[in-house]
Amino acid sequence: MATNKLNPKRVLAIDPTSRGFGFVVLEWPTTLVDWGVKDVRQQNESKTLRKVSKLIQHYRPEIIVLEDYEGSRRSERIRTLIEKVSRLAVREGVKIRRIPGSRRKKVFKTFHAHNKHEIAHAVAQQLPELAPQLPPYRKAWMSEDYQMAIFDAAALALTYFHSRPVSGAESKARALRSIRNTRRFELCR
């Protein structure tokens, strides 16, 4: 897929979980192409990698965004899976960007989102198509909702778009969109 400065890069963000992975495909911070959760029973890494490969073949992203697990509490299996997805992307000729949790938190603090649930709400504000999948607030004794992986992947992708260097014209357009979206988020609180 050829792009220039007017056509944004297609980004595939993946968030592996214990039951599979969540994904989103974005072209702009506000242009959601697709999203979902892929279920992989029995923690089968080869099935997970096949499903990721199918997503790469179908959407032809230029960049895959993954969590940088350094300093996080991710299990060894998830860390290994992130590394294998990275190697798969390189074999497919797709660039990889790793987003540390600290950067994601910093970006979403500008939207007054400080915890995972607030970040999911901020994502739903930025990408209204995801609002129907927004999980309810999780109590301490509840397991995490299956759909939360979509919002984690979307948060990674939005962090990528809000953190990357931009040209002068794109910077002005991004600033205007950010101001509008921040106002819209604050009005909905």
C-alpha atoms as a PDB file:
ATOM      1  CA  MET A   1       0.000   0.000   0.000  1.00  0.00           C
ATOM      2  CA  ALA A   2       1.640   3.226  -1.123  1.00  0.00           C
ATOM      3  CA  THR A   3       1.173   6.314   0.982  1.00  0.00           C
ATOM      4  CA  ASN A   4       2.274   9.891   0.873  1.00  0.00           C
ATOM      5  CA  LYS A   5       1.921  12.778   3.302  1.00  0.00           C
ATOM      6  CA  LEU A   6      -1.780  13.139   2.448  1.00  0.00           C
ATOM      7  CA  ASN A   7      -2.538   9.448   2.933  1.00  0.00           C
ATOM      8  CA  PRO A   8      -1.848   8.288   6.463  1.00  0.00           C
ATOM      9  CA  LYS A   9      -0.169   5.046   7.368  1.00  0.00           C
ATOM     10  CA  ARG A  10      -2.439   2.108   8.051  1.00  0.00           C
ATOM     11  CA  VAL A  11      -1.763   0.890  11.571  1.00  0.00           C
ATOM     12  CA  LEU A  12      -2.615  -2.502  13.044  1.00  0.00           C
ATOM     13  CA  ALA A  13      -2.472  -2.531  16.842  1.00  0.00           C
ATOM     14  CA  ILE A  14      -2.508  -5.862  18.645  1.00  0.00           C
ATOM     15  CA  ASP A  15      -3.015  -6.564  22.344  1.00  0.00           C
ATOM     16  CA  PRO A  16      -2.389 -10.227  23.272  1.00  0.00           C
ATOM     17  CA  THR A  17      -4.404 -11.655  26.151  1.00  0.00           C
ATOM     18  CA  SER A  18      -4.709 -14.993  27.906  1.00  0.00           C
ATOM     19  CA  ARG A  19      -7.632 -15.905  25.624  1.00  0.00           C
ATOM     20  CA  GLY A  20      -6.348 -14.598  22.279  1.00  0.00           C
ATOM     21  CA  PHE A  21      -5.831 -10.999  21.212  1.00  0.00           C
ATOM     22  CA  GLY A  22      -7.641  -7.765  20.551  1.00  0.00           C
ATOM     23  CA  PHE A  23      -6.894  -5.687  17.476  1.00  0.00           C
ATOM     24  CA  VAL A  24      -7.778  -2.429  15.763  1.00  0.00           C
ATOM     25  CA  VAL A  25      -6.904  -1.114  12.322  1.00  0.00           C
ATOM     26  CA  LEU A  26      -6.657   2.682  12.032  1.00  0.00           C
ATOM     27  CA  GLU A  27      -5.680   5.097   9.276  1.00  0.00           C
ATOM     28  CA  TRP A  28      -6.080   8.348  11.199  1.00  0.00           C
ATOM     29  CA  PRO A  29      -6.606   8.740  14.915  1.00  0.00           C
ATOM     30  CA  THR A  30     -10.284   9.139  14.045  1.00  0.00           C
ATOM     31  CA  THR A  31     -10.586   6.685  11.106  1.00  0.00           C
ATOM     32  CA  LEU A  32     -11.277   3.215  12.416  1.00  0.00           C
ATOM     33  CA  VAL A  33     -11.132   0.572   9.677  1.00  0.00           C
ATOM     34  CA  ASP A  34     -11.818  -2.590  11.713  1.00  0.00           C
ATOM     35  CA  TRP A  35     -11.601  -3.997  15.219  1.00  0.00           C
ATOM     36  CA  GLY A  36     -12.268  -7.198  17.097  1.00  0.00           C
ATOM     37  CA  VAL A  37     -11.111  -9.922  19.415  1.00  0.00           C
ATOM     38  CA  LYS A  38      -9.681 -13.165  18.086  1.00  0.00           C
ATOM     39  CA  ASP A  39     -10.234 -16.087  20.425  1.00  0.00           C
ATOM     40  CA  VAL A  40      -7.498 -18.713  20.589  1.00  0.00           C
ATOM     41  CA  ARG A  41      -8.321 -21.601  22.880  1.00  0.00           C
ATOM     42  CA  GLN A  42      -5.673 -23.627  24.700  1.00  0.00           C
ATOM     43  CA  GLN A  43      -3.042 -20.865  24.472  1.00  0.00           C
ATOM     44  CA  ASN A  44      -1.901 -22.087  21.062  1.00  0.00           C
ATOM     45  CA  GLU A  45       0.789 -19.692  19.799  1.00  0.00           C
ATOM     46  CA  SER A  46       0.838 -21.108  16.273  1.00  0.00           C
ATOM     47  CA  LYS A  47      -2.921 -20.458  15.897  1.00  0.00           C
ATOM     48  CA  THR A  48      -2.448 -16.946  17.233  1.00  0.00           C
ATOM     49  CA  LEU A  49       0.364 -16.263  14.773  1.00  0.00           C
ATOM     50  CA  ARG A  50      -1.736 -17.626  11.877  1.00  0.00           C
ATOM     51  CA  LYS A  51      -4.570 -15.273  12.815  1.00  0.00           C
ATOM     52  CA  VAL A  52      -2.185 -12.326  13.051  1.00  0.00           C
ATOM     53  CA  SER A  53      -0.713 -13.279   9.672  1.00  0.00           C
ATOM     54  CA  LYS A  54      -4.199 -13.318   8.136  1.00  0.00           C
ATOM     55  CA  LEU A  55      -4.832  -9.819   9.510  1.00  0.00           C
ATOM     56  CA  ILE A  56      -1.547  -8.608   8.013  1.00  0.00           C
ATOM     57  CA  GLN A  57      -2.383 -10.170   4.642  1.00  0.00           C
ATOM     58  CA  HIS A  58      -5.902  -8.749   4.637  1.00  0.00           C
ATOM     59  CA  TYR A  59      -5.248  -5.183   5.825  1.00  0.00           C
ATOM     60  CA  ARG A  60      -1.675  -4.671   4.581  1.00  0.00           C
ATOM     61  CA  PRO A  61      -0.667  -2.360   7.445  1.00  0.00           C
ATOM     62  CA  GLU A  62       2.514  -0.355   7.219  1.00  0.00           C
ATOM     63  CA  ILE A  63       3.032  -0.437  10.972  1.00  0.00           C
ATOM     64  CA  ILE A  64       2.124  -2.900  13.694  1.00  0.00           C
ATOM     65  CA  VAL A  65       1.865  -1.380  17.150  1.00  0.00           C
ATOM     66  CA  LEU A  66       2.549  -3.602  20.156  1.00  0.00           C
ATOM     67  CA  GLU A  67       3.031  -3.004  23.849  1.00  0.00           C
ATOM     68  CA  ASP A  68       6.593  -2.619  25.048  1.00  0.00           C
ATOM     69  CA  TYR A  69       6.326  -5.024  27.970  1.00  0.00           C
ATOM     70  CA  GLU A  70       9.554  -3.927  29.693  1.00  0.00           C
ATOM     71  CA  GLY A  71       8.645  -2.911  33.216  1.00  0.00           C
ATOM     72  CA  SER A  72       5.116  -4.336  32.942  1.00  0.00           C
ATOM     73  CA  ARG A  73       3.549  -7.301  34.691  1.00  0.00           C
ATOM     74  CA  ARG A  74       2.918  -9.284  31.491  1.00  0.00           C
ATOM     75  CA  SER A  75       3.314 -13.050  31.794  1.00  0.00           C
ATOM     76  CA  GLU A  76       6.246 -14.802  30.175  1.00  0.00           C
ATOM     77  CA  ARG A  77       3.889 -16.429  27.638  1.00  0.00           C
ATOM     78  CA  ILE A  78       2.525 -13.039  26.530  1.00  0.00           C
ATOM     79  CA  ARG A  79       6.048 -11.587  26.349  1.00  0.00           C
ATOM     80  CA  THR A  80       7.125 -14.490  24.126  1.00  0.00           C
ATOM     81  CA  LEU A  81       4.021 -14.034  21.984  1.00  0.00           C
ATOM     82  CA  ILE A  82       4.769 -10.320  21.510  1.00  0.00           C
ATOM     83  CA  GLU A  83       8.285 -11.237  20.383  1.00  0.00           C
ATOM     84  CA  LYS A  84       6.948 -13.833  17.927  1.00  0.00           C
ATOM     85  CA  VAL A  85       4.422 -11.358  16.501  1.00  0.00           C
ATOM     86  CA  SER A  86       7.309  -8.893  16.084  1.00  0.00           C
ATOM     87  CA  ARG A  87       9.349 -11.459  14.159  1.00  0.00           C
ATOM     88  CA  LEU A  88       6.321 -12.344  12.018  1.00  0.00           C
ATOM     89  CA  ALA A  89       5.835  -8.676  11.147  1.00  0.00           C
ATOM     90  CA  VAL A  90       9.482  -8.327  10.134  1.00  0.00           C
ATOM     91  CA  ARG A  91       9.174 -11.399   7.885  1.00  0.00           C
ATOM     92  CA  GLU A  92       6.064  -9.841   6.319  1.00  0.00           C
ATOM     93  CA  GLY A  93       7.921  -6.564   5.733  1.00  0.00           C
ATOM     94  CA  VAL A  94       5.891  -4.540   8.232  1.00  0.00           C
ATOM     95  CA  LYS A  95       7.463  -1.980  10.570  1.00  0.00           C
ATOM     96  CA  ILE A  96       6.966  -2.398  14.297  1.00  0.00           C
ATOM     97  CA  ARG A  97       6.466   0.223  16.971  1.00  0.00           C
ATOM     98  CA  ARG A  98       6.534  -0.688  20.639  1.00  0.00           C
ATOM     99  CA  ILE A  99       4.635   1.612  22.964  1.00  0.00           C
ATOM    100  CA  PRO A 100       5.636   1.602  26.645  1.00  0.00           C
ATOM    101  CA  GLY A 101       2.880   1.814  29.218  1.00  0.00           C
ATOM    102  CA  SER A 102       4.346   5.059  30.531  1.00  0.00           C
ATOM    103  CA  ARG A 103       3.876   6.767  27.148  1.00  0.00           C
ATOM    104  CA  ARG A 104       0.281   5.527  26.888  1.00  0.00           C
ATOM    105  CA  LYS A 105      -0.468   6.871  30.373  1.00  0.00           C
ATOM    106  CA  LYS A 106       1.139  10.210  29.501  1.00  0.00           C
ATOM    107  CA  VAL A 107      -0.936  10.592  26.313  1.00  0.00           C
ATOM    108  CA  PHE A 108      -4.213   9.696  28.022  1.00  0.00           C
ATOM    109  CA  LYS A 109      -3.560  11.997  30.981  1.00  0.00           C
ATOM    110  CA  THR A 110      -4.161  14.828  28.503  1.00  0.00           C
ATOM    111  CA  PHE A 111      -7.696  13.407  28.179  1.00  0.00           C
ATOM    112  CA  HIS A 112      -8.026  13.213  31.993  1.00  0.00           C
ATOM    113  CA  ALA A 113      -7.919   9.400  31.857  1.00  0.00           C
ATOM    114  CA  HIS A 114      -5.803   7.876  34.604  1.00  0.00           C
ATOM    115  CA  ASN A 115      -6.853   4.223  34.884  1.00  0.00           C
ATOM    116  CA  LYS A 116      -7.759   1.475  32.448  1.00  0.00           C
ATOM    117  CA  HIS A 117     -11.504   2.122  32.589  1.00  0.00           C
ATOM    118  CA  GLU A 118     -11.094   5.876  32.058  1.00  0.00           C
ATOM    119  CA  ILE A 119      -8.720   5.189  29.148  1.00  0.00           C
ATOM    120  CA  ALA A 120     -11.351   2.896  27.590  1.00  0.00           C
ATOM    121  CA  HIS A 121     -13.911   5.733  27.902  1.00  0.00           C
ATOM    122  CA  ALA A 122     -11.474   8.182  26.297  1.00  0.00           C
ATOM    123  CA  VAL A 123     -10.922   5.702  23.452  1.00  0.00           C
ATOM    124  CA  ALA A 124     -14.697   5.421  22.989  1.00  0.00           C
ATOM    125  CA  GLN A 125     -14.865   9.221  22.792  1.00  0.00           C
ATOM    126  CA  GLN A 126     -12.157   9.300  20.119  1.00  0.00           C
ATOM    127  CA  LEU A 127     -13.611   6.326  18.224  1.00  0.00           C
ATOM    128  CA  PRO A 128     -17.416   6.358  18.711  1.00  0.00           C
ATOM    129  CA  GLU A 129     -17.818   3.130  16.710  1.00  0.00           C
ATOM    130  CA  LEU A 130     -16.327   1.303  19.699  1.00  0.00           C
ATOM    131  CA  ALA A 131     -18.737   2.761  22.272  1.00  0.00           C
ATOM    132  CA  PRO A 132     -21.211  -0.186  22.103  1.00  0.00           C
ATOM    133  CA  GLN A 133     -18.386  -2.583  23.067  1.00  0.00           C
ATOM    134  CA  LEU A 134     -17.345  -0.518  26.090  1.00  0.00           C
ATOM    135  CA  PRO A 135     -17.145  -2.902  29.063  1.00  0.00           C
ATOM    136  CA  PRO A 136     -18.833  -2.012  32.348  1.00  0.00           C
ATOM    137  CA  TYR A 137     -16.716  -0.834  35.247  1.00  0.00           C
ATOM    138  CA  ARG A 138     -14.823  -3.807  36.667  1.00  0.00           C
ATOM    139  CA  LYS A 139     -15.042  -4.558  40.373  1.00  0.00           C
ATOM    140  CA  ALA A 140     -12.007  -6.007  42.153  1.00  0.00           C
ATOM    141  CA  TRP A 141     -13.477  -9.532  42.248  1.00  0.00           C
ATOM    142  CA  MET A 142     -14.457  -9.570  38.547  1.00  0.00           C
ATOM    143  CA  SER A 143     -12.279 -10.867  35.728  1.00  0.00           C
ATOM    144  CA  GLU A 144     -11.483  -8.485  32.899  1.00  0.00           C
ATOM    145  CA  ASP A 145     -14.109  -8.222  30.179  1.00  0.00           C
ATOM    146  CA  TYR A 146     -13.284  -9.983  26.915  1.00  0.00           C
ATOM    147  CA  GLN A 147     -13.866  -6.758  24.919  1.00  0.00           C
ATOM    148  CA  MET A 148     -11.299  -4.757  26.929  1.00  0.00           C
ATOM    149  CA  ALA A 149      -8.546  -6.079  24.621  1.00  0.00           C
ATOM    150  CA  ILE A 150     -10.074  -3.987  21.802  1.00  0.00           C
ATOM    151  CA  PHE A 151      -9.741  -0.833  23.904  1.00  0.00           C
ATOM    152  CA  ASP A 152      -6.193  -1.727  24.962  1.00  0.00           C
ATOM    153  CA  ALA A 153      -5.221  -2.181  21.300  1.00  0.00           C
ATOM    154  CA  ALA A 154      -6.981   1.071  20.356  1.00  0.00           C
ATOM    155  CA  ALA A 155      -5.160   2.900  23.165  1.00  0.00           C
ATOM    156  CA  LEU A 156      -1.851   1.638  21.752  1.00  0.00           C
ATOM    157  CA  ALA A 157      -2.770   2.827  18.244  1.00  0.00           C
ATOM    158  CA  LEU A 158      -3.969   6.237  19.441  1.00  0.00           C
ATOM    159  CA  THR A 159      -0.811   6.623  21.500  1.00  0.00           C
ATOM    160  CA  TYR A 160       1.213   5.891  18.366  1.00  0.00           C
ATOM    161  CA  PHE A 161      -0.653   8.548  16.369  1.00  0.00           C
ATOM    162  CA  HIS A 162      -0.428  11.154  19.150  1.00  0.00           C
ATOM    163  CA  SER A 163       3.293  10.468  19.751  1.00  0.00           C
ATOM    164  CA  ARG A 164       4.746  10.354  16.260  1.00  0.00           C
ATOM    165  CA  PRO A 165       6.600  13.277  14.690  1.00  0.00           C
ATOM    166  CA  VAL A 166       4.520  15.167  12.138  1.00  0.00           C
ATOM    167  CA  SER A 167       4.944  17.769   9.420  1.00  0.00           C
ATOM    168  CA  GLY A 168       3.887  21.390   9.988  1.00  0.00           C
ATOM    169  CA  ALA A 169       0.517  21.169   8.185  1.00  0.00           C
ATOM    170  CA  GLU A 170      -0.355  17.849   9.787  1.00  0.00           C
ATOM    171  CA  SER A 171       0.677  19.241  13.181  1.00  0.00           C
ATOM    172  CA  LYS A 172      -1.817  22.120  12.884  1.00  0.00           C
ATOM    173  CA  ALA A 173      -4.589  19.746  11.786  1.00  0.00           C
ATOM    174  CA  ARG A 174      -3.795  17.361  14.646  1.00  0.00           C
ATOM    175  CA  ALA A 175      -3.843  20.221  17.176  1.00  0.00           C
ATOM    176  CA  LEU A 176      -7.273  21.347  15.975  1.00  0.00           C
ATOM    177  CA  ARG A 177      -8.653  17.780  16.125  1.00  0.00           C
ATOM    178  CA  SER A 178      -7.162  17.298  19.581  1.00  0.00           C
ATOM    179  CA  ILE A 179      -8.771  20.512  20.869  1.00  0.00           C
ATOM    180  CA  ARG A 180     -12.161  19.476  19.443  1.00  0.00           C
ATOM    181  CA  ASN A 181     -11.881  15.957  20.844  1.00  0.00           C
ATOM    182  CA  THR A 182     -10.760  17.177  24.278  1.00  0.00           C
ATOM    183  CA  ARG A 183     -13.709  19.561  24.447  1.00  0.00           C
ATOM    184  CA  ARG A 184     -16.072  16.762  23.331  1.00  0.00           C
ATOM    185  CA  PHE A 185     -14.599  14.444  25.994  1.00  0.00           C
ATOM    186  CA  GLU A 186     -14.938  17.079  28.736  1.00  0.00           C
ATOM    187  CA  LEU A 187     -18.539  17.806  27.764  1.00  0.00           C
ATOM    188  CA  CYS A 188     -19.419  14.116  28.079  1.00  0.00           C
ATOM    189  CA  ARG A 189     -17.922  13.702  31.552  1.00  0.00           C
END
